[in-house]
Amino acid sequence: MDKVKRLASENGVVIFSKSTCCQCYAVSVLFQELEVSPVVHEIDQDPEGREMEKALMSFGCNAPVPADFIQGKLIGSTNEVMSLHLSGSLIPLLQPYQAFN
């Protein structure tokens, strides 16, 4: 759990992902289209991936990936990110991390 907390807080926008997850890819592309370069941690490529997956679930993720963090705070998975985007609430959260700022 400490590793997940550390990684999530080291950068402004962090996605915990699996290399074969299409929803993880979709969220990453959305952030990139919004001029944000998220740090993506592929937990299936990490030797501690299983422990990280358990830690993400303990944070309240419905599924371990994608788990999206902004400013060290868990935003949620694809559904939560898309809901925030559709409601207009995502861009203000990402604004400090957009490339044109």
PDB file of N, CA and C in Angstrom:
ATOM      1  N   MET A   1       0.819  -1.196   0.000  1.00  0.00           N
ATOM      2  CA  MET A   1       0.000   0.000   0.000  1.00  0.00           C
ATOM      3  C   MET A   1       0.858   1.253   0.000  1.00  0.00           C
ATOM      4  N   ASP A   2       1.988   1.193   0.703  1.00  0.00           N
ATOM      5  CA  ASP A   2       2.874   2.356   0.763  1.00  0.00           C
ATOM      6  C   ASP A   2       3.417   2.717  -0.614  1.00  0.00           C
ATOM      7  N   LYS A   3       3.717   1.698  -1.417  1.00  0.00           N
ATOM      8  CA  LYS A   3       4.236   1.955  -2.759  1.00  0.00           C
ATOM      9  C   LYS A   3       3.186   2.657  -3.615  1.00  0.00           C
ATOM     10  N   VAL A   4       1.951   2.216  -3.528  1.00  0.00           N
ATOM     11  CA  VAL A   4       0.879   2.845  -4.299  1.00  0.00           C
ATOM     12  C   VAL A   4       0.703   4.292  -3.862  1.00  0.00           C
ATOM     13  N   LYS A   5       0.658   4.532  -2.561  1.00  0.00           N
ATOM     14  CA  LYS A   5       0.517   5.905  -2.061  1.00  0.00           C
ATOM     15  C   LYS A   5       1.667   6.784  -2.527  1.00  0.00           C
ATOM     16  N   ARG A   6       2.875   6.254  -2.452  1.00  0.00           N
ATOM     17  CA  ARG A   6       4.057   7.024  -2.865  1.00  0.00           C
ATOM     18  C   ARG A   6       3.993   7.350  -4.355  1.00  0.00           C
ATOM     19  N   LEU A   7       3.740   6.340  -5.173  1.00  0.00           N
ATOM     20  CA  LEU A   7       3.686   6.562  -6.617  1.00  0.00           C
ATOM     21  C   LEU A   7       2.560   7.518  -6.997  1.00  0.00           C
ATOM     22  N   ALA A   8       1.418   7.406  -6.333  1.00  0.00           N
ATOM     23  CA  ALA A   8       0.269   8.258  -6.641  1.00  0.00           C
ATOM     24  C   ALA A   8       0.530   9.716  -6.279  1.00  0.00           C
ATOM     25  N   SER A   9       1.360   9.942  -5.273  1.00  0.00           N
ATOM     26  CA  SER A   9       1.593  11.318  -4.826  1.00  0.00           C
ATOM     27  C   SER A   9       2.838  11.951  -5.435  1.00  0.00           C
ATOM     28  N   GLU A  10       3.665  11.175  -6.118  1.00  0.00           N
ATOM     29  CA  GLU A  10       4.895  11.722  -6.698  1.00  0.00           C
ATOM     30  C   GLU A  10       4.659  12.587  -7.931  1.00  0.00           C
ATOM     31  N   ASN A  11       3.531  12.373  -8.603  1.00  0.00           N
ATOM     32  CA  ASN A  11       3.218  13.119  -9.817  1.00  0.00           C
ATOM     33  C   ASN A  11       1.781  13.598  -9.764  1.00  0.00           C
ATOM     34  N   GLY A  12       1.482  14.614 -10.552  1.00  0.00           N
ATOM     35  CA  GLY A  12       0.150  15.208 -10.524  1.00  0.00           C
ATOM     36  C   GLY A  12      -0.955  14.292 -11.023  1.00  0.00           C
ATOM     37  N   VAL A  13      -0.697  13.587 -12.129  1.00  0.00           N
ATOM     38  CA  VAL A  13      -1.709  12.719 -12.720  1.00  0.00           C
ATOM     39  C   VAL A  13      -1.086  11.342 -12.912  1.00  0.00           C
ATOM     40  N   VAL A  14      -1.674  10.349 -12.267  1.00  0.00           N
ATOM     41  CA  VAL A  14      -1.116   8.995 -12.270  1.00  0.00           C
ATOM     42  C   VAL A  14      -2.219   7.994 -12.603  1.00  0.00           C
ATOM     43  N   ILE A  15      -1.894   7.068 -13.498  1.00  0.00           N
ATOM     44  CA  ILE A  15      -2.812   5.983 -13.839  1.00  0.00           C
ATOM     45  C   ILE A  15      -2.124   4.664 -13.499  1.00  0.00           C
ATOM     46  N   PHE A  16      -2.776   3.862 -12.676  1.00  0.00           N
ATOM     47  CA  PHE A  16      -2.325   2.492 -12.458  1.00  0.00           C
ATOM     48  C   PHE A  16      -3.072   1.658 -13.485  1.00  0.00           C
ATOM     49  N   SER A  17      -2.321   0.913 -14.267  1.00  0.00           N
ATOM     50  CA  SER A  17      -2.841   0.280 -15.458  1.00  0.00           C
ATOM     51  C   SER A  17      -2.316  -1.139 -15.586  1.00  0.00           C
ATOM     52  N   LYS A  18      -2.861  -1.844 -16.564  1.00  0.00           N
ATOM     53  CA  LYS A  18      -2.287  -3.111 -17.026  1.00  0.00           C
ATOM     54  C   LYS A  18      -2.071  -2.956 -18.525  1.00  0.00           C
ATOM     55  N   SER A  19      -1.003  -3.520 -19.020  1.00  0.00           N
ATOM     56  CA  SER A  19      -0.624  -3.312 -20.415  1.00  0.00           C
ATOM     57  C   SER A  19      -1.661  -3.838 -21.406  1.00  0.00           C
ATOM     58  N   THR A  20      -2.536  -4.717 -20.987  1.00  0.00           N
ATOM     59  CA  THR A  20      -3.543  -5.282 -21.881  1.00  0.00           C
ATOM     60  C   THR A  20      -4.943  -4.701 -21.667  1.00  0.00           C
ATOM     61  N   CYS A  21      -5.064  -3.666 -20.868  1.00  0.00           N
ATOM     62  CA  CYS A  21      -6.366  -3.111 -20.496  1.00  0.00           C
ATOM     63  C   CYS A  21      -6.781  -1.999 -21.461  1.00  0.00           C
ATOM     64  N   CYS A  22      -7.860  -2.238 -22.213  1.00  0.00           N
ATOM     65  CA  CYS A  22      -8.310  -1.228 -23.178  1.00  0.00           C
ATOM     66  C   CYS A  22      -8.910  -0.003 -22.486  1.00  0.00           C
ATOM     67  N   GLN A  23      -9.543  -0.182 -21.335  1.00  0.00           N
ATOM     68  CA  GLN A  23     -10.090   0.967 -20.610  1.00  0.00           C
ATOM     69  C   GLN A  23      -8.973   1.850 -20.068  1.00  0.00           C
ATOM     70  N   CYS A  24      -7.876   1.230 -19.649  1.00  0.00           N
ATOM     71  CA  CYS A  24      -6.718   1.996 -19.185  1.00  0.00           C
ATOM     72  C   CYS A  24      -6.174   2.850 -20.327  1.00  0.00           C
ATOM     73  N   TYR A  25      -6.100   2.245 -21.494  1.00  0.00           N
ATOM     74  CA  TYR A  25      -5.620   2.951 -22.674  1.00  0.00           C
ATOM     75  C   TYR A  25      -6.550   4.122 -23.002  1.00  0.00           C
ATOM     76  N   ALA A  26      -7.859   3.909 -22.928  1.00  0.00           N
ATOM     77  CA  ALA A  26      -8.830   4.964 -23.241  1.00  0.00           C
ATOM     78  C   ALA A  26      -8.676   6.162 -22.303  1.00  0.00           C
ATOM     79  N   VAL A  27      -8.487   5.908 -21.019  1.00  0.00           N
ATOM     80  CA  VAL A  27      -8.311   7.001 -20.060  1.00  0.00           C
ATOM     81  C   VAL A  27      -7.003   7.743 -20.342  1.00  0.00           C
ATOM     82  N   SER A  28      -5.958   7.003 -20.632  1.00  0.00           N
ATOM     83  CA  SER A  28      -4.668   7.619 -20.948  1.00  0.00           C
ATOM     84  C   SER A  28      -4.780   8.511 -22.188  1.00  0.00           C
ATOM     85  N   VAL A  29      -5.464   8.037 -23.213  1.00  0.00           N
ATOM     86  CA  VAL A  29      -5.654   8.826 -24.433  1.00  0.00           C
ATOM     87  C   VAL A  29      -6.486  10.076 -24.143  1.00  0.00           C
ATOM     88  N   LEU A  30      -7.524   9.940 -23.338  1.00  0.00           N
ATOM     89  CA  LEU A  30      -8.337  11.105 -22.970  1.00  0.00           C
ATOM     90  C   LEU A  30      -7.464  12.169 -22.311  1.00  0.00           C
ATOM     91  N   PHE A  31      -6.655  11.774 -21.333  1.00  0.00           N
ATOM     92  CA  PHE A  31      -5.787  12.740 -20.664  1.00  0.00           C
ATOM     93  C   PHE A  31      -4.832  13.391 -21.657  1.00  0.00           C
ATOM     94  N   GLN A  32      -4.275  12.606 -22.546  1.00  0.00           N
ATOM     95  CA  GLN A  32      -3.347  13.155 -23.537  1.00  0.00           C
ATOM     96  C   GLN A  32      -4.056  14.136 -24.470  1.00  0.00           C
ATOM     97  N   GLU A  33      -5.285  13.828 -24.852  1.00  0.00           N
ATOM     98  CA  GLU A  33      -6.052  14.758 -25.693  1.00  0.00           C
ATOM     99  C   GLU A  33      -6.371  16.049 -24.955  1.00  0.00           C
ATOM    100  N   LEU A  34      -6.411  15.975 -23.639  1.00  0.00           N
ATOM    101  CA  LEU A  34      -6.636  17.169 -22.810  1.00  0.00           C
ATOM    102  C   LEU A  34      -5.319  17.855 -22.446  1.00  0.00           C
ATOM    103  N   GLU A  35      -4.245  17.479 -23.159  1.00  0.00           N
ATOM    104  CA  GLU A  35      -2.910  18.084 -22.995  1.00  0.00           C
ATOM    105  C   GLU A  35      -2.269  17.781 -21.646  1.00  0.00           C
ATOM    106  N   VAL A  36      -2.570  16.608 -21.103  1.00  0.00           N
ATOM    107  CA  VAL A  36      -1.976  16.159 -19.844  1.00  0.00           C
ATOM    108  C   VAL A  36      -1.197  14.880 -20.138  1.00  0.00           C
ATOM    109  N   SER A  37       0.010  14.806 -19.616  1.00  0.00           N
ATOM    110  CA  SER A  37       0.824  13.597 -19.772  1.00  0.00           C
ATOM    111  C   SER A  37       0.831  12.836 -18.452  1.00  0.00           C
ATOM    112  N   PRO A  38      -0.048  11.862 -18.312  1.00  0.00           N
ATOM    113  CA  PRO A  38      -0.099  11.128 -17.053  1.00  0.00           C
ATOM    114  C   PRO A  38       1.110  10.203 -16.921  1.00  0.00           C
ATOM    115  N   VAL A  39       1.481   9.928 -15.692  1.00  0.00           N
ATOM    116  CA  VAL A  39       2.464   8.880 -15.426  1.00  0.00           C
ATOM    117  C   VAL A  39       1.673   7.594 -15.320  1.00  0.00           C
ATOM    118  N   VAL A  40       2.039   6.614 -16.133  1.00  0.00           N
ATOM    119  CA  VAL A  40       1.314   5.346 -16.169  1.00  0.00           C
ATOM    120  C   VAL A  40       2.184   4.259 -15.557  1.00  0.00           C
ATOM    121  N   HIS A  41       1.652   3.612 -14.530  1.00  0.00           N
ATOM    122  CA  HIS A  41       2.334   2.483 -13.886  1.00  0.00           C
ATOM    123  C   HIS A  41       1.621   1.208 -14.303  1.00  0.00           C
ATOM    124  N   GLU A  42       2.309   0.404 -15.081  1.00  0.00           N
ATOM    125  CA  GLU A  42       1.755  -0.873 -15.539  1.00  0.00           C
ATOM    126  C   GLU A  42       1.985  -1.911 -14.442  1.00  0.00           C
ATOM    127  N   ILE A  43       0.949  -2.193 -13.668  1.00  0.00           N
ATOM    128  CA  ILE A  43       1.152  -3.073 -12.516  1.00  0.00           C
ATOM    129  C   ILE A  43       1.414  -4.522 -12.916  1.00  0.00           C
ATOM    130  N   ASP A  44       1.016  -4.897 -14.142  1.00  0.00           N
ATOM    131  CA  ASP A  44       1.317  -6.263 -14.584  1.00  0.00           C
ATOM    132  C   ASP A  44       2.784  -6.415 -14.985  1.00  0.00           C
ATOM    133  N   GLN A  45       3.509  -5.309 -15.056  1.00  0.00           N
ATOM    134  CA  GLN A  45       4.929  -5.337 -15.366  1.00  0.00           C
ATOM    135  C   GLN A  45       5.791  -5.127 -14.116  1.00  0.00           C
ATOM    136  N   ASP A  46       5.143  -4.944 -12.978  1.00  0.00           N
ATOM    137  CA  ASP A  46       5.837  -4.662 -11.722  1.00  0.00           C
ATOM    138  C   ASP A  46       5.901  -5.940 -10.885  1.00  0.00           C
ATOM    139  N   PRO A  47       7.078  -6.268 -10.340  1.00  0.00           N
ATOM    140  CA  PRO A  47       7.183  -7.465  -9.501  1.00  0.00           C
ATOM    141  C   PRO A  47       6.243  -7.446  -8.289  1.00  0.00           C
ATOM    142  N   GLU A  48       5.864  -6.254  -7.849  1.00  0.00           N
ATOM    143  CA  GLU A  48       4.949  -6.116  -6.709  1.00  0.00           C
ATOM    144  C   GLU A  48       3.514  -5.868  -7.162  1.00  0.00           C
ATOM    145  N   GLY A  49       3.219  -6.205  -8.411  1.00  0.00           N
ATOM    146  CA  GLY A  49       1.916  -5.911  -9.004  1.00  0.00           C
ATOM    147  C   GLY A  49       0.733  -6.470  -8.244  1.00  0.00           C
ATOM    148  N   ARG A  50       0.838  -7.698  -7.779  1.00  0.00           N
ATOM    149  CA  ARG A  50      -0.294  -8.305  -7.047  1.00  0.00           C
ATOM    150  C   ARG A  50      -0.587  -7.538  -5.756  1.00  0.00           C
ATOM    151  N   GLU A  51       0.465  -7.155  -5.055  1.00  0.00           N
ATOM    152  CA  GLU A  51       0.279  -6.380  -3.819  1.00  0.00           C
ATOM    153  C   GLU A  51      -0.306  -5.004  -4.143  1.00  0.00           C
ATOM    154  N   MET A  52       0.152  -4.410  -5.246  1.00  0.00           N
ATOM    155  CA  MET A  52      -0.368  -3.107  -5.645  1.00  0.00           C
ATOM    156  C   MET A  52      -1.854  -3.219  -6.010  1.00  0.00           C
ATOM    157  N   GLU A  53      -2.218  -4.299  -6.674  1.00  0.00           N
ATOM    158  CA  GLU A  53      -3.611  -4.534  -7.034  1.00  0.00           C
ATOM    159  C   GLU A  53      -4.488  -4.620  -5.780  1.00  0.00           C
ATOM    160  N   LYS A  54      -4.017  -5.343  -4.779  1.00  0.00           N
ATOM    161  CA  LYS A  54      -4.749  -5.456  -3.516  1.00  0.00           C
ATOM    162  C   LYS A  54      -4.862  -4.089  -2.833  1.00  0.00           C
ATOM    163  N   ALA A  55      -3.778  -3.328  -2.870  1.00  0.00           N
ATOM    164  CA  ALA A  55      -3.791  -1.993  -2.253  1.00  0.00           C
ATOM    165  C   ALA A  55      -4.797  -1.088  -2.954  1.00  0.00           C
ATOM    166  N   LEU A  56      -4.835  -1.134  -4.278  1.00  0.00           N
ATOM    167  CA  LEU A  56      -5.792  -0.311  -5.020  1.00  0.00           C
ATOM    168  C   LEU A  56      -7.225  -0.683  -4.672  1.00  0.00           C
ATOM    169  N   MET A  57      -7.485  -1.967  -4.518  1.00  0.00           N
ATOM    170  CA  MET A  57      -8.822  -2.410  -4.128  1.00  0.00           C
ATOM    171  C   MET A  57      -9.169  -1.913  -2.721  1.00  0.00           C
ATOM    172  N   SER A  58      -8.172  -1.885  -1.836  1.00  0.00           N
ATOM    173  CA  SER A  58      -8.431  -1.422  -0.470  1.00  0.00           C
ATOM    174  C   SER A  58      -8.706   0.081  -0.414  1.00  0.00           C
ATOM    175  N   PHE A  59      -8.260   0.821  -1.447  1.00  0.00           N
ATOM    176  CA  PHE A  59      -8.560   2.261  -1.532  1.00  0.00           C
ATOM    177  C   PHE A  59     -10.001   2.505  -1.941  1.00  0.00           C
ATOM    178  N   GLY A  60     -10.677   1.453  -2.400  1.00  0.00           N
ATOM    179  CA  GLY A  60     -12.069   1.598  -2.794  1.00  0.00           C
ATOM    180  C   GLY A  60     -12.303   1.480  -4.283  1.00  0.00           C
ATOM    181  N   CYS A  61     -11.309   1.061  -5.035  1.00  0.00           N
ATOM    182  CA  CYS A  61     -11.498   0.852  -6.472  1.00  0.00           C
ATOM    183  C   CYS A  61     -12.418  -0.344  -6.686  1.00  0.00           C
ATOM    184  N   ASN A  62     -13.379  -0.190  -7.593  1.00  0.00           N
ATOM    185  CA  ASN A  62     -14.254  -1.317  -7.939  1.00  0.00           C
ATOM    186  C   ASN A  62     -13.484  -2.385  -8.691  1.00  0.00           C
ATOM    187  N   ALA A  63     -12.568  -1.959  -9.513  1.00  0.00           N
ATOM    188  CA  ALA A  63     -11.659  -2.842 -10.234  1.00  0.00           C
ATOM    189  C   ALA A  63     -10.263  -2.265 -10.018  1.00  0.00           C
ATOM    190  N   PRO A  64      -9.245  -3.102 -10.015  1.00  0.00           N
ATOM    191  CA  PRO A  64      -7.916  -2.575  -9.709  1.00  0.00           C
ATOM    192  C   PRO A  64      -7.371  -1.606 -10.759  1.00  0.00           C
ATOM    193  N   VAL A  65      -7.781  -1.770 -12.017  1.00  0.00           N
ATOM    194  CA  VAL A  65      -7.305  -0.857 -13.062  1.00  0.00           C
ATOM    195  C   VAL A  65      -8.444  -0.510 -14.011  1.00  0.00           C
ATOM    196  N   PRO A  66      -8.433   0.656 -14.611  1.00  0.00           N
ATOM    197  CA  PRO A  66      -7.503   1.720 -14.292  1.00  0.00           C
ATOM    198  C   PRO A  66      -7.875   2.381 -12.971  1.00  0.00           C
ATOM    199  N   ALA A  67      -6.870   2.751 -12.233  1.00  0.00           N
ATOM    200  CA  ALA A  67      -7.055   3.527 -11.009  1.00  0.00           C
ATOM    201  C   ALA A  67      -6.374   4.864 -11.264  1.00  0.00           C
ATOM    202  N   ASP A  68      -7.165   5.915 -11.297  1.00  0.00           N
ATOM    203  CA  ASP A  68      -6.688   7.234 -11.695  1.00  0.00           C
ATOM    204  C   ASP A  68      -6.598   8.161 -10.490  1.00  0.00           C
ATOM    205  N   PHE A  69      -5.429   8.761 -10.354  1.00  0.00           N
ATOM    206  CA  PHE A  69      -5.161   9.680  -9.246  1.00  0.00           C
ATOM    207  C   PHE A  69      -4.816  11.049  -9.803  1.00  0.00           C
ATOM    208  N   ILE A  70      -5.352  12.086  -9.189  1.00  0.00           N
ATOM    209  CA  ILE A  70      -4.988  13.464  -9.501  1.00  0.00           C
ATOM    210  C   ILE A  70      -4.635  14.127  -8.184  1.00  0.00           C
ATOM    211  N   GLN A  71      -3.455  14.722  -8.126  1.00  0.00           N
ATOM    212  CA  GLN A  71      -2.931  15.347  -6.905  1.00  0.00           C
ATOM    213  C   GLN A  71      -2.902  14.359  -5.744  1.00  0.00           C
ATOM    214  N   GLY A  72      -2.593  13.098  -6.025  1.00  0.00           N
ATOM    215  CA  GLY A  72      -2.495  12.093  -4.989  1.00  0.00           C
ATOM    216  C   GLY A  72      -3.822  11.569  -4.481  1.00  0.00           C
ATOM    217  N   LYS A  73      -4.921  12.062  -5.059  1.00  0.00           N
ATOM    218  CA  LYS A  73      -6.254  11.656  -4.619  1.00  0.00           C
ATOM    219  C   LYS A  73      -6.857  10.709  -5.646  1.00  0.00           C
ATOM    220  N   LEU A  74      -7.410   9.606  -5.176  1.00  0.00           N
ATOM    221  CA  LEU A  74      -8.067   8.655  -6.063  1.00  0.00           C
ATOM    222  C   LEU A  74      -9.303   9.297  -6.673  1.00  0.00           C
ATOM    223  N   ILE A  75      -9.320   9.350  -7.996  1.00  0.00           N
ATOM    224  CA  ILE A  75     -10.488   9.851  -8.721  1.00  0.00           C
ATOM    225  C   ILE A  75     -11.430   8.694  -9.015  1.00  0.00           C
ATOM    226  N   GLY A  76     -10.858   7.553  -9.343  1.00  0.00           N
ATOM    227  CA  GLY A  76     -11.650   6.371  -9.610  1.00  0.00           C
ATOM    228  C   GLY A  76     -11.189   5.679 -10.865  1.00  0.00           C
ATOM    229  N   SER A  77     -12.110   4.986 -11.491  1.00  0.00           N
ATOM    230  CA  SER A  77     -11.822   4.211 -12.683  1.00  0.00           C
ATOM    231  C   SER A  77     -12.372   4.935 -13.907  1.00  0.00           C
ATOM    232  N   THR A  78     -12.523   4.224 -14.983  1.00  0.00           N
ATOM    233  CA  THR A  78     -12.982   4.822 -16.236  1.00  0.00           C
ATOM    234  C   THR A  78     -14.331   5.516 -16.081  1.00  0.00           C
ATOM    235  N   ASN A  79     -15.272   4.877 -15.421  1.00  0.00           N
ATOM    236  CA  ASN A  79     -16.610   5.471 -15.267  1.00  0.00           C
ATOM    237  C   ASN A  79     -16.557   6.816 -14.555  1.00  0.00           C
ATOM    238  N   GLU A  80     -15.781   6.899 -13.490  1.00  0.00           N
ATOM    239  CA  GLU A  80     -15.695   8.146 -12.732  1.00  0.00           C
ATOM    240  C   GLU A  80     -15.010   9.240 -13.557  1.00  0.00           C
ATOM    241  N   VAL A  81     -13.948   8.868 -14.264  1.00  0.00           N
ATOM    242  CA  VAL A  81     -13.234   9.859 -15.085  1.00  0.00           C
ATOM    243  C   VAL A  81     -14.146  10.381 -16.190  1.00  0.00           C
ATOM    244  N   MET A  82     -14.842   9.482 -16.863  1.00  0.00           N
ATOM    245  CA  MET A  82     -15.732   9.903 -17.952  1.00  0.00           C
ATOM    246  C   MET A  82     -16.899  10.732 -17.420  1.00  0.00           C
ATOM    247  N   SER A  83     -17.432  10.364 -16.270  1.00  0.00           N
ATOM    248  CA  SER A  83     -18.519  11.152 -15.670  1.00  0.00           C
ATOM    249  C   SER A  83     -18.046  12.560 -15.332  1.00  0.00           C
ATOM    250  N   LEU A  84     -16.843  12.658 -14.760  1.00  0.00           N
ATOM    251  CA  LEU A  84     -16.285  13.980 -14.461  1.00  0.00           C
ATOM    252  C   LEU A  84     -16.094  14.788 -15.743  1.00  0.00           C
ATOM    253  N   HIS A  85     -15.617  14.126 -16.786  1.00  0.00           N
ATOM    254  CA  HIS A  85     -15.381  14.821 -18.051  1.00  0.00           C
ATOM    255  C   HIS A  85     -16.696  15.319 -18.651  1.00  0.00           C
ATOM    256  N   LEU A  86     -17.708  14.467 -18.676  1.00  0.00           N
ATOM    257  CA  LEU A  86     -18.993  14.851 -19.260  1.00  0.00           C
ATOM    258  C   LEU A  86     -19.680  15.961 -18.470  1.00  0.00           C
ATOM    259  N   SER A  87     -19.447  16.007 -17.168  1.00  0.00           N
ATOM    260  CA  SER A  87     -20.066  17.046 -16.340  1.00  0.00           C
ATOM    261  C   SER A  87     -19.268  18.348 -16.344  1.00  0.00           C
ATOM    262  N   GLY A  88     -18.083  18.328 -16.974  1.00  0.00           N
ATOM    263  CA  GLY A  88     -17.249  19.530 -17.014  1.00  0.00           C
ATOM    264  C   GLY A  88     -16.356  19.698 -15.799  1.00  0.00           C
ATOM    265  N   SER A  89     -16.292  18.690 -14.952  1.00  0.00           N
ATOM    266  CA  SER A  89     -15.508  18.792 -13.722  1.00  0.00           C
ATOM    267  C   SER A  89     -14.087  18.266 -13.843  1.00  0.00           C
ATOM    268  N   LEU A  90     -13.765  17.559 -14.917  1.00  0.00           N
ATOM    269  CA  LEU A  90     -12.435  16.970 -15.049  1.00  0.00           C
ATOM    270  C   LEU A  90     -11.374  18.008 -15.423  1.00  0.00           C
ATOM    271  N   ILE A  91     -11.676  18.865 -16.362  1.00  0.00           N
ATOM    272  CA  ILE A  91     -10.676  19.830 -16.839  1.00  0.00           C
ATOM    273  C   ILE A  91     -10.168  20.735 -15.716  1.00  0.00           C
ATOM    274  N   PRO A  92     -11.038  21.248 -14.835  1.00  0.00           N
ATOM    275  CA  PRO A  92     -10.491  22.049 -13.730  1.00  0.00           C
ATOM    276  C   PRO A  92      -9.513  21.271 -12.838  1.00  0.00           C
ATOM    277  N   LEU A  93      -9.757  19.974 -12.657  1.00  0.00           N
ATOM    278  CA  LEU A  93      -8.832  19.158 -11.859  1.00  0.00           C
ATOM    279  C   LEU A  93      -7.493  18.986 -12.579  1.00  0.00           C
ATOM    280  N   LEU A  94      -7.553  18.886 -13.896  1.00  0.00           N
ATOM    281  CA  LEU A  94      -6.340  18.645 -14.693  1.00  0.00           C
ATOM    282  C   LEU A  94      -5.610  19.929 -15.071  1.00  0.00           C
ATOM    283  N   GLN A  95      -6.249  21.063 -14.945  1.00  0.00           N
ATOM    284  CA  GLN A  95      -5.688  22.324 -15.424  1.00  0.00           C
ATOM    285  C   GLN A  95      -4.255  22.603 -14.961  1.00  0.00           C
ATOM    286  N   PRO A  96      -3.915  22.350 -13.711  1.00  0.00           N
ATOM    287  CA  PRO A  96      -2.519  22.613 -13.300  1.00  0.00           C
ATOM    288  C   PRO A  96      -1.486  21.737 -14.020  1.00  0.00           C
ATOM    289  N   TYR A  97      -1.938  20.666 -14.655  1.00  0.00           N
ATOM    290  CA  TYR A  97      -1.031  19.711 -15.275  1.00  0.00           C
ATOM    291  C   TYR A  97      -1.083  19.741 -16.796  1.00  0.00           C
ATOM    292  N   GLN A  98      -1.884  20.659 -17.344  1.00  0.00           N
ATOM    293  CA  GLN A  98      -1.977  20.749 -18.789  1.00  0.00           C
ATOM    294  C   GLN A  98      -0.729  21.398 -19.352  1.00  0.00           C
ATOM    295  N   ALA A  99      -0.292  20.912 -20.504  1.00  0.00           N
ATOM    296  CA  ALA A  99       0.976  21.332 -21.108  1.00  0.00           C
ATOM    297  C   ALA A  99       1.011  22.808 -21.443  1.00  0.00           C
ATOM    298  N   PHE A 100      -0.116  23.387 -21.757  1.00  0.00           N
ATOM    299  CA  PHE A 100      -0.107  24.804 -22.163  1.00  0.00           C
ATOM    300  C   PHE A 100      -0.170  25.766 -21.004  1.00  0.00           C
ATOM    301  N   ASN A 101      -0.132  25.263 -19.776  1.00  0.00           N
ATOM    302  CA  ASN A 101      -0.092  26.159 -18.595  1.00  0.00           C
ATOM    303  C   ASN A 101       1.322  26.529 -18.258  1.00  0.00           C
TER     304      ASN A 101
END
